Each structure stands twice: as structure tokens, then as C-alpha cells.
């Protein structure tokens, strides 16, 4: 499942966020977020070992596949909720949404997206919504790629 990022087709929620935020560095970056983003980009979209471990923990009951399907199905809603909270600078809602994204992504093996969510969480906690808004394009893009990879390499194979 460590394959290259698959292409996407059709309009995705990523289109709702400006692509100018991908690889942003317009503002000073004292927290080192830029280098952390570069490191996150080196992580695989999906770590198959995490999914295998989840299957083992759930004794092959099919719950891991169901969790992955639900995760994929909820992506658009999760992204919209996070994007709206970040755009409106609603700290509490943004934290709730980004922590949910971070934890669920980690559980389903979406290590790159989990790392991006962790970085975004730090920005939100610092009240840096300008950098947070800039990060949303990358979150949207890698989230869509994570879902696509999950669907093509895990959900369809095990569904």
C-alpha cells in the first residue's frame, strides 16, 4: 500500500480550497512547520501494517474493513467541517475536527494525513489561522489521495 499517489478524477473537496497553500512559505515560519511539511510529504499515504494490525486486534471480524469504508465515506464531511472551522477561525470546532481527523487517519493507516493533521493542530492551538488556512489545500489533497489509495488497495480487495 505504499504505492505512488493515485490520480484523481472529478471535482473533489480539495477544489474548495485554494492551491496556493500547497508548500506555502509566504510568512515567517518560526515553528518550523515548513520543514515538518516536507518531512510529512515523505511519509506513505497508507501504511498497510497499521491496517493488518487493526485486523489482528479485531480478530478478523470485518470491523477493520468497515472502519476503512466508513472513514472513506466520511472524508468529504470531515474535510468540510475542518475547512469551515479553520476558515471561520473557530478554535474549539477546528481543534475538535482536526483531532478527530488525526486519530481516525492514524487508526486507518493514513500516516501522512495524520501527520498533516498533527501539524495543523499545532497551528490551531497557537491561533495561527492564516497558516492553518494555507495548509488546508494540502490536507484536502492528501486526504483525497489517502481515501483513493484506501479504496483501491484495501477496501475493494477486502470488501
N, C-alpha and C. Protein backbone atom coordinates (compact mmCIF):
# COMPACT_ATOMS: atom_id res chain seq x y z
N UNK A 1 0.81 -1.20 0.00
CA UNK A 1 0.00 0.00 0.00
C UNK A 1 0.85 1.26 0.00
N UNK A 2 2.11 1.13 -0.21
CA UNK A 2 2.98 2.29 -0.27
C UNK A 2 3.22 2.69 -1.71
N UNK A 3 2.17 2.61 -2.52
CA UNK A 3 2.27 2.93 -3.93
C UNK A 3 2.28 4.44 -4.13
N UNK A 4 2.66 4.88 -5.30
CA UNK A 4 2.65 6.32 -5.58
C UNK A 4 1.23 6.86 -5.47
N UNK A 5 1.13 8.16 -5.27
CA UNK A 5 -0.16 8.80 -5.14
C UNK A 5 -0.98 8.59 -6.40
N UNK A 6 -2.18 8.03 -6.27
CA UNK A 6 -3.01 7.83 -7.45
C UNK A 6 -3.59 9.15 -7.92
N UNK A 7 -3.91 9.23 -9.19
CA UNK A 7 -4.54 10.42 -9.73
C UNK A 7 -5.97 10.52 -9.26
N UNK A 8 -6.56 11.65 -9.47
CA UNK A 8 -7.94 11.79 -9.06
C UNK A 8 -8.75 12.25 -10.26
N UNK A 9 -10.04 11.99 -10.20
CA UNK A 9 -10.91 12.43 -11.27
C UNK A 9 -12.15 13.06 -10.66
N UNK A 10 -12.76 13.93 -11.39
CA UNK A 10 -13.96 14.60 -10.90
C UNK A 10 -13.60 15.69 -9.92
N UNK A 11 -14.61 16.42 -9.50
CA UNK A 11 -14.37 17.51 -8.55
C UNK A 11 -14.28 16.94 -7.16
N UNK A 12 -13.25 17.29 -6.46
CA UNK A 12 -13.08 16.83 -5.08
C UNK A 12 -13.20 18.02 -4.16
N UNK A 13 -13.35 17.76 -2.85
CA UNK A 13 -13.41 18.86 -1.90
C UNK A 13 -12.14 19.70 -1.92
N UNK A 14 -11.04 19.15 -2.42
CA UNK A 14 -9.80 19.92 -2.49
C UNK A 14 -9.99 21.15 -3.37
N UNK A 15 -10.91 21.08 -4.31
CA UNK A 15 -11.15 22.22 -5.19
C UNK A 15 -11.75 23.40 -4.44
N UNK A 16 -12.29 23.17 -3.25
CA UNK A 16 -12.87 24.24 -2.46
C UNK A 16 -11.82 25.06 -1.73
N UNK A 17 -10.58 24.62 -1.73
CA UNK A 17 -9.51 25.31 -1.04
C UNK A 17 -8.46 25.74 -2.06
N UNK A 18 -7.98 26.96 -1.96
CA UNK A 18 -7.01 27.44 -2.95
C UNK A 18 -5.72 26.63 -2.90
N UNK A 19 -5.18 26.31 -4.07
CA UNK A 19 -3.96 25.52 -4.14
C UNK A 19 -2.73 26.34 -3.82
N UNK A 20 -2.87 27.64 -3.63
CA UNK A 20 -1.72 28.47 -3.29
C UNK A 20 -1.14 28.07 -1.94
N UNK A 21 -1.90 27.34 -1.13
CA UNK A 21 -1.41 26.95 0.18
C UNK A 21 -0.49 25.75 0.15
N UNK A 22 -0.43 25.03 -0.96
CA UNK A 22 0.42 23.86 -1.03
C UNK A 22 1.87 24.32 -1.02
N UNK A 23 2.62 23.81 -0.07
CA UNK A 23 4.02 24.16 0.04
C UNK A 23 4.22 25.63 0.42
N UNK A 24 3.29 26.20 1.14
CA UNK A 24 3.36 27.61 1.49
C UNK A 24 4.61 27.94 2.29
N UNK A 25 5.11 29.14 2.16
CA UNK A 25 6.22 29.67 2.94
C UNK A 25 6.17 31.18 2.91
N UNK A 26 5.00 31.76 2.65
CA UNK A 26 4.90 33.20 2.50
C UNK A 26 5.23 33.94 3.79
N UNK A 27 4.78 33.43 4.91
CA UNK A 27 5.01 34.10 6.18
C UNK A 27 6.20 33.46 6.88
N UNK A 28 6.83 34.21 7.80
CA UNK A 28 7.92 33.60 8.58
C UNK A 28 7.42 32.34 9.28
N UNK A 29 8.31 31.39 9.45
CA UNK A 29 7.92 30.08 9.98
C UNK A 29 8.78 29.71 11.19
N UNK A 30 8.62 30.45 12.30
CA UNK A 30 9.46 30.19 13.46
C UNK A 30 9.23 28.82 14.07
N UNK A 31 8.06 28.23 13.87
CA UNK A 31 7.76 26.91 14.45
C UNK A 31 8.33 25.78 13.60
N UNK A 32 8.88 26.09 12.44
CA UNK A 32 9.46 25.04 11.60
C UNK A 32 8.42 24.20 10.88
N UNK A 33 7.21 24.74 10.69
CA UNK A 33 6.15 23.99 10.04
C UNK A 33 6.51 23.61 8.62
N UNK A 34 7.20 24.49 7.89
CA UNK A 34 7.58 24.20 6.51
C UNK A 34 8.43 22.96 6.39
N UNK A 35 9.46 22.84 7.22
CA UNK A 35 10.30 21.65 7.17
C UNK A 35 9.53 20.42 7.64
N UNK A 36 8.60 20.61 8.56
CA UNK A 36 7.77 19.50 9.01
C UNK A 36 6.84 19.03 7.90
N UNK A 37 6.36 19.99 7.10
CA UNK A 37 5.53 19.62 5.95
C UNK A 37 6.32 18.82 4.94
N UNK A 38 7.56 19.21 4.72
CA UNK A 38 8.41 18.48 3.79
C UNK A 38 8.64 17.06 4.30
N UNK A 39 8.86 16.91 5.60
CA UNK A 39 9.04 15.58 6.18
C UNK A 39 7.77 14.75 6.06
N UNK A 40 6.61 15.38 6.28
CA UNK A 40 5.33 14.67 6.18
C UNK A 40 5.10 14.17 4.76
N UNK A 41 5.53 14.95 3.78
CA UNK A 41 5.33 14.56 2.38
C UNK A 41 6.10 13.29 2.02
N UNK A 42 7.11 12.95 2.81
CA UNK A 42 7.89 11.74 2.57
C UNK A 42 7.23 10.48 3.14
N UNK A 43 6.24 10.67 4.00
CA UNK A 43 5.54 9.53 4.59
C UNK A 43 4.62 8.88 3.55
N UNK A 44 4.38 7.58 3.68
CA UNK A 44 3.43 6.95 2.75
C UNK A 44 2.02 7.44 3.03
N UNK A 45 1.18 7.41 2.02
CA UNK A 45 -0.22 7.78 2.23
C UNK A 45 -0.87 6.79 3.19
N UNK A 46 -0.68 5.50 2.93
CA UNK A 46 -1.31 4.46 3.75
C UNK A 46 -0.24 3.43 4.13
N UNK A 47 -0.19 3.10 5.40
CA UNK A 47 0.72 2.08 5.91
C UNK A 47 -0.08 0.79 6.11
N UNK A 48 0.17 -0.19 5.24
CA UNK A 48 -0.57 -1.45 5.28
C UNK A 48 -0.40 -2.18 6.60
N UNK A 49 0.73 -2.00 7.27
CA UNK A 49 0.98 -2.68 8.54
C UNK A 49 -0.01 -2.24 9.61
N UNK A 50 -0.41 -0.98 9.57
CA UNK A 50 -1.38 -0.48 10.55
C UNK A 50 -2.72 -1.17 10.35
N UNK A 51 -3.13 -1.31 9.10
CA UNK A 51 -4.40 -1.99 8.82
C UNK A 51 -4.33 -3.47 9.19
N UNK A 52 -3.20 -4.11 8.92
CA UNK A 52 -3.04 -5.52 9.29
C UNK A 52 -3.12 -5.69 10.80
N UNK A 53 -2.50 -4.77 11.53
CA UNK A 53 -2.55 -4.83 12.99
C UNK A 53 -3.97 -4.62 13.50
N UNK A 54 -4.69 -3.69 12.89
CA UNK A 54 -6.08 -3.45 13.27
C UNK A 54 -6.92 -4.70 13.02
N UNK A 55 -6.71 -5.35 11.88
CA UNK A 55 -7.42 -6.60 11.59
C UNK A 55 -7.12 -7.65 12.65
N UNK A 56 -5.84 -7.79 13.02
CA UNK A 56 -5.45 -8.77 14.04
C UNK A 56 -6.12 -8.45 15.38
N UNK A 57 -6.10 -7.18 15.76
CA UNK A 57 -6.69 -6.78 17.04
C UNK A 57 -8.19 -7.05 17.07
N UNK A 58 -8.83 -6.95 15.91
CA UNK A 58 -10.27 -7.17 15.84
C UNK A 58 -10.61 -8.59 15.42
N UNK A 59 -9.61 -9.47 15.45
CA UNK A 59 -9.77 -10.91 15.21
C UNK A 59 -10.45 -11.21 13.87
N UNK A 60 -10.09 -10.44 12.84
CA UNK A 60 -10.61 -10.73 11.50
C UNK A 60 -12.11 -10.67 11.39
N UNK A 61 -12.76 -9.87 12.23
CA UNK A 61 -14.22 -9.82 12.27
C UNK A 61 -14.84 -8.98 11.17
N UNK A 62 -14.03 -8.36 10.35
CA UNK A 62 -14.56 -7.49 9.30
C UNK A 62 -14.73 -6.05 9.75
N UNK A 63 -14.49 -5.80 11.03
CA UNK A 63 -14.65 -4.44 11.54
C UNK A 63 -13.59 -3.48 10.99
N UNK A 64 -12.40 -3.98 10.73
CA UNK A 64 -11.35 -3.12 10.17
C UNK A 64 -11.76 -2.64 8.77
N UNK A 65 -12.31 -3.54 7.95
CA UNK A 65 -12.76 -3.15 6.63
C UNK A 65 -13.91 -2.16 6.73
N UNK A 66 -14.82 -2.40 7.66
CA UNK A 66 -15.95 -1.49 7.84
C UNK A 66 -15.46 -0.11 8.29
N UNK A 67 -14.48 -0.11 9.20
CA UNK A 67 -13.92 1.16 9.66
C UNK A 67 -13.29 1.92 8.49
N UNK A 68 -12.54 1.22 7.65
CA UNK A 68 -11.91 1.85 6.49
C UNK A 68 -12.96 2.39 5.51
N UNK A 69 -14.03 1.62 5.28
CA UNK A 69 -15.11 2.09 4.40
C UNK A 69 -15.79 3.32 4.98
N UNK A 70 -16.07 3.30 6.28
CA UNK A 70 -16.70 4.45 6.93
C UNK A 70 -15.79 5.68 6.89
N UNK A 71 -14.51 5.46 7.11
CA UNK A 71 -13.53 6.55 7.06
C UNK A 71 -13.57 7.20 5.67
N UNK A 72 -13.54 6.38 4.62
CA UNK A 72 -13.57 6.89 3.25
C UNK A 72 -14.89 7.61 2.97
N UNK A 73 -15.98 7.04 3.40
CA UNK A 73 -17.29 7.62 3.16
C UNK A 73 -17.47 8.96 3.87
N UNK A 74 -16.82 9.14 4.99
CA UNK A 74 -16.96 10.36 5.79
C UNK A 74 -15.96 11.45 5.41
N UNK A 75 -15.06 11.17 4.49
CA UNK A 75 -14.00 12.13 4.17
C UNK A 75 -14.53 13.51 3.80
N UNK A 76 -15.47 13.59 2.88
CA UNK A 76 -15.98 14.89 2.43
C UNK A 76 -16.56 15.70 3.59
N UNK A 77 -17.32 15.04 4.44
CA UNK A 77 -17.93 15.73 5.59
C UNK A 77 -16.85 16.18 6.57
N UNK A 78 -15.89 15.32 6.82
CA UNK A 78 -14.80 15.64 7.74
C UNK A 78 -14.00 16.84 7.22
N UNK A 79 -13.67 16.84 5.93
CA UNK A 79 -12.91 17.93 5.34
C UNK A 79 -13.71 19.23 5.39
N UNK A 80 -14.97 19.18 5.04
CA UNK A 80 -15.80 20.39 5.05
C UNK A 80 -15.90 20.97 6.46
N UNK A 81 -16.08 20.12 7.44
CA UNK A 81 -16.18 20.56 8.83
C UNK A 81 -14.89 21.24 9.28
N UNK A 82 -13.76 20.63 8.98
CA UNK A 82 -12.47 21.20 9.34
C UNK A 82 -12.23 22.50 8.59
N UNK A 83 -12.48 22.50 7.29
CA UNK A 83 -12.25 23.69 6.48
C UNK A 83 -13.10 24.87 6.94
N UNK A 84 -14.35 24.62 7.26
CA UNK A 84 -15.24 25.68 7.73
C UNK A 84 -14.75 26.24 9.07
N UNK A 85 -14.34 25.37 9.97
CA UNK A 85 -13.87 25.82 11.28
C UNK A 85 -12.58 26.62 11.18
N UNK A 86 -11.66 26.18 10.33
CA UNK A 86 -10.41 26.91 10.15
C UNK A 86 -10.67 28.24 9.47
N UNK A 87 -11.49 28.24 8.42
CA UNK A 87 -11.79 29.47 7.69
C UNK A 87 -12.46 30.50 8.60
N UNK A 88 -13.34 30.05 9.48
CA UNK A 88 -14.05 30.98 10.36
C UNK A 88 -13.29 31.25 11.66
N UNK A 89 -12.11 30.64 11.79
CA UNK A 89 -11.24 30.84 12.97
C UNK A 89 -11.94 30.42 14.27
N UNK A 90 -12.74 29.36 14.17
CA UNK A 90 -13.43 28.80 15.34
C UNK A 90 -12.50 27.77 15.98
N UNK A 91 -11.73 28.22 16.97
CA UNK A 91 -10.70 27.38 17.57
C UNK A 91 -11.21 26.07 18.14
N UNK A 92 -12.31 26.12 18.88
CA UNK A 92 -12.83 24.90 19.50
C UNK A 92 -13.29 23.89 18.46
N UNK A 93 -14.05 24.35 17.48
CA UNK A 93 -14.53 23.44 16.43
C UNK A 93 -13.38 22.93 15.57
N UNK A 94 -12.42 23.81 15.29
CA UNK A 94 -11.27 23.40 14.48
C UNK A 94 -10.45 22.34 15.21
N UNK A 95 -10.24 22.53 16.52
CA UNK A 95 -9.49 21.53 17.30
C UNK A 95 -10.22 20.20 17.32
N UNK A 96 -11.53 20.25 17.55
CA UNK A 96 -12.32 19.03 17.57
C UNK A 96 -12.20 18.29 16.23
N UNK A 97 -12.33 19.03 15.14
CA UNK A 97 -12.29 18.42 13.81
C UNK A 97 -10.90 17.88 13.47
N UNK A 98 -9.85 18.64 13.79
CA UNK A 98 -8.50 18.21 13.42
C UNK A 98 -8.04 17.03 14.28
N UNK A 99 -8.42 17.00 15.54
CA UNK A 99 -8.06 15.86 16.39
C UNK A 99 -8.78 14.60 15.92
N UNK A 100 -10.04 14.75 15.54
CA UNK A 100 -10.79 13.61 15.00
C UNK A 100 -10.12 13.09 13.73
N UNK A 101 -9.70 14.01 12.86
CA UNK A 101 -9.02 13.62 11.63
C UNK A 101 -7.69 12.94 11.94
N UNK A 102 -6.93 13.48 12.85
CA UNK A 102 -5.62 12.91 13.20
C UNK A 102 -5.76 11.49 13.74
N UNK A 103 -6.67 11.29 14.65
CA UNK A 103 -6.82 9.98 15.29
C UNK A 103 -7.39 8.95 14.31
N UNK A 104 -8.44 9.32 13.58
CA UNK A 104 -9.04 8.36 12.67
C UNK A 104 -8.08 8.01 11.52
N UNK A 105 -7.33 9.00 11.06
CA UNK A 105 -6.36 8.74 9.99
C UNK A 105 -5.27 7.79 10.48
N UNK A 106 -4.78 8.01 11.68
CA UNK A 106 -3.75 7.12 12.24
C UNK A 106 -4.29 5.70 12.39
N UNK A 107 -5.54 5.58 12.84
CA UNK A 107 -6.12 4.25 13.04
C UNK A 107 -6.27 3.48 11.74
N UNK A 108 -6.53 4.18 10.64
CA UNK A 108 -6.75 3.51 9.36
C UNK A 108 -5.44 3.41 8.55
N UNK A 109 -4.35 3.86 9.14
CA UNK A 109 -3.06 3.74 8.47
C UNK A 109 -2.70 4.93 7.60
N UNK A 110 -3.48 5.98 7.64
CA UNK A 110 -3.21 7.19 6.85
C UNK A 110 -2.17 8.04 7.54
N UNK A 111 -0.92 7.57 7.51
CA UNK A 111 0.13 8.20 8.31
C UNK A 111 0.49 9.61 7.83
N UNK A 112 0.48 9.85 6.53
CA UNK A 112 0.81 11.20 6.05
C UNK A 112 -0.27 12.19 6.47
N UNK A 113 -1.53 11.82 6.30
CA UNK A 113 -2.63 12.71 6.67
C UNK A 113 -2.68 12.92 8.18
N UNK A 114 -2.39 11.88 8.95
CA UNK A 114 -2.34 12.02 10.41
C UNK A 114 -1.26 13.03 10.81
N UNK A 115 -0.11 12.98 10.14
CA UNK A 115 0.97 13.92 10.44
C UNK A 115 0.57 15.35 10.05
N UNK A 116 -0.05 15.51 8.89
CA UNK A 116 -0.52 16.84 8.49
C UNK A 116 -1.54 17.38 9.50
N UNK A 117 -2.43 16.52 9.95
CA UNK A 117 -3.42 16.93 10.95
C UNK A 117 -2.74 17.34 12.25
N UNK A 118 -1.69 16.63 12.62
CA UNK A 118 -0.93 16.98 13.83
C UNK A 118 -0.29 18.37 13.68
N UNK A 119 0.29 18.63 12.52
CA UNK A 119 0.89 19.94 12.26
C UNK A 119 -0.18 21.04 12.27
N UNK A 120 -1.32 20.77 11.66
CA UNK A 120 -2.41 21.73 11.64
C UNK A 120 -2.94 21.96 13.05
N UNK A 121 -3.01 20.91 13.84
CA UNK A 121 -3.44 21.05 15.23
C UNK A 121 -2.54 22.04 15.98
N UNK A 122 -1.23 21.93 15.77
CA UNK A 122 -0.31 22.85 16.42
C UNK A 122 -0.58 24.30 16.03
N UNK A 123 -0.84 24.53 14.75
CA UNK A 123 -1.15 25.88 14.28
C UNK A 123 -2.44 26.40 14.92
N UNK A 124 -3.44 25.55 14.99
CA UNK A 124 -4.73 25.94 15.58
C UNK A 124 -4.54 26.27 17.05
N UNK A 125 -3.80 25.43 17.76
CA UNK A 125 -3.55 25.69 19.19
C UNK A 125 -2.83 27.02 19.41
N UNK A 126 -1.98 27.40 18.46
CA UNK A 126 -1.28 28.69 18.56
C UNK A 126 -2.12 29.84 18.04
N UNK A 127 -3.29 29.54 17.50
CA UNK A 127 -4.16 30.58 16.95
C UNK A 127 -3.68 31.10 15.61
N UNK A 128 -2.84 30.35 14.92
CA UNK A 128 -2.30 30.77 13.64
C UNK A 128 -3.21 30.26 12.51
N UNK A 129 -4.33 30.94 12.35
CA UNK A 129 -5.30 30.50 11.35
C UNK A 129 -4.89 30.89 9.93
N UNK A 130 -4.00 31.87 9.78
CA UNK A 130 -3.51 32.22 8.45
C UNK A 130 -2.72 31.04 7.89
N UNK A 131 -1.76 30.53 8.65
CA UNK A 131 -1.00 29.35 8.21
C UNK A 131 -1.92 28.13 8.14
N UNK A 132 -2.87 28.03 9.07
CA UNK A 132 -3.81 26.91 9.05
C UNK A 132 -4.64 26.89 7.78
N UNK A 133 -5.13 28.07 7.37
CA UNK A 133 -5.90 28.15 6.13
C UNK A 133 -5.03 27.78 4.93
N UNK A 134 -3.77 28.20 4.96
CA UNK A 134 -2.86 27.86 3.86
C UNK A 134 -2.61 26.36 3.80
N UNK A 135 -2.61 25.69 4.94
CA UNK A 135 -2.37 24.24 4.99
C UNK A 135 -3.54 23.43 4.48
N UNK A 136 -4.72 24.01 4.47
CA UNK A 136 -5.92 23.25 4.13
C UNK A 136 -5.88 22.64 2.73
N UNK A 137 -5.25 23.31 1.78
CA UNK A 137 -5.18 22.74 0.43
C UNK A 137 -4.40 21.43 0.44
N UNK A 138 -3.30 21.40 1.18
CA UNK A 138 -2.51 20.18 1.28
C UNK A 138 -3.25 19.08 2.01
N UNK A 139 -3.98 19.45 3.06
CA UNK A 139 -4.79 18.47 3.80
C UNK A 139 -5.86 17.89 2.87
N UNK A 140 -6.52 18.77 2.12
CA UNK A 140 -7.57 18.31 1.20
C UNK A 140 -6.99 17.37 0.13
N UNK A 141 -5.86 17.76 -0.41
CA UNK A 141 -5.25 16.96 -1.48
C UNK A 141 -4.77 15.60 -0.96
N UNK A 142 -4.03 15.60 0.14
CA UNK A 142 -3.54 14.32 0.67
C UNK A 142 -4.66 13.48 1.25
N UNK A 143 -5.69 14.12 1.77
CA UNK A 143 -6.84 13.36 2.26
C UNK A 143 -7.54 12.62 1.12
N UNK A 144 -7.75 13.32 0.00
CA UNK A 144 -8.38 12.68 -1.15
C UNK A 144 -7.51 11.53 -1.67
N UNK A 145 -6.21 11.73 -1.69
CA UNK A 145 -5.30 10.67 -2.14
C UNK A 145 -5.30 9.49 -1.17
N UNK A 146 -5.37 9.77 0.11
CA UNK A 146 -5.42 8.70 1.12
C UNK A 146 -6.68 7.86 0.92
N UNK A 147 -7.81 8.52 0.76
CA UNK A 147 -9.07 7.81 0.55
C UNK A 147 -9.01 6.99 -0.73
N UNK A 148 -8.46 7.57 -1.78
CA UNK A 148 -8.34 6.85 -3.06
C UNK A 148 -7.47 5.60 -2.90
N UNK A 149 -6.35 5.75 -2.20
CA UNK A 149 -5.48 4.59 -2.00
C UNK A 149 -6.14 3.54 -1.12
N UNK A 150 -6.82 3.96 -0.08
CA UNK A 150 -7.55 3.01 0.76
C UNK A 150 -8.58 2.24 -0.06
N UNK A 151 -9.31 2.97 -0.89
CA UNK A 151 -10.34 2.32 -1.69
C UNK A 151 -9.76 1.34 -2.69
N UNK A 152 -8.67 1.71 -3.34
CA UNK A 152 -8.13 0.85 -4.39
C UNK A 152 -7.28 -0.31 -3.87
N UNK A 153 -6.64 -0.13 -2.73
CA UNK A 153 -5.72 -1.18 -2.27
C UNK A 153 -6.19 -1.93 -1.05
N UNK A 154 -7.25 -1.48 -0.40
CA UNK A 154 -7.67 -2.18 0.81
C UNK A 154 -9.17 -2.46 0.82
N UNK A 155 -9.98 -1.44 0.61
CA UNK A 155 -11.41 -1.61 0.72
C UNK A 155 -11.95 -2.55 -0.37
N UNK A 156 -11.55 -2.30 -1.62
CA UNK A 156 -12.04 -3.16 -2.72
C UNK A 156 -11.48 -4.57 -2.62
N UNK A 157 -10.24 -4.70 -2.19
CA UNK A 157 -9.62 -6.03 -2.08
C UNK A 157 -10.22 -6.85 -0.95
N UNK A 158 -10.71 -6.17 0.10
CA UNK A 158 -11.21 -6.89 1.27
C UNK A 158 -12.70 -6.73 1.48
N UNK A 159 -13.36 -6.05 0.57
CA UNK A 159 -14.78 -5.76 0.74
C UNK A 159 -15.66 -6.74 0.18
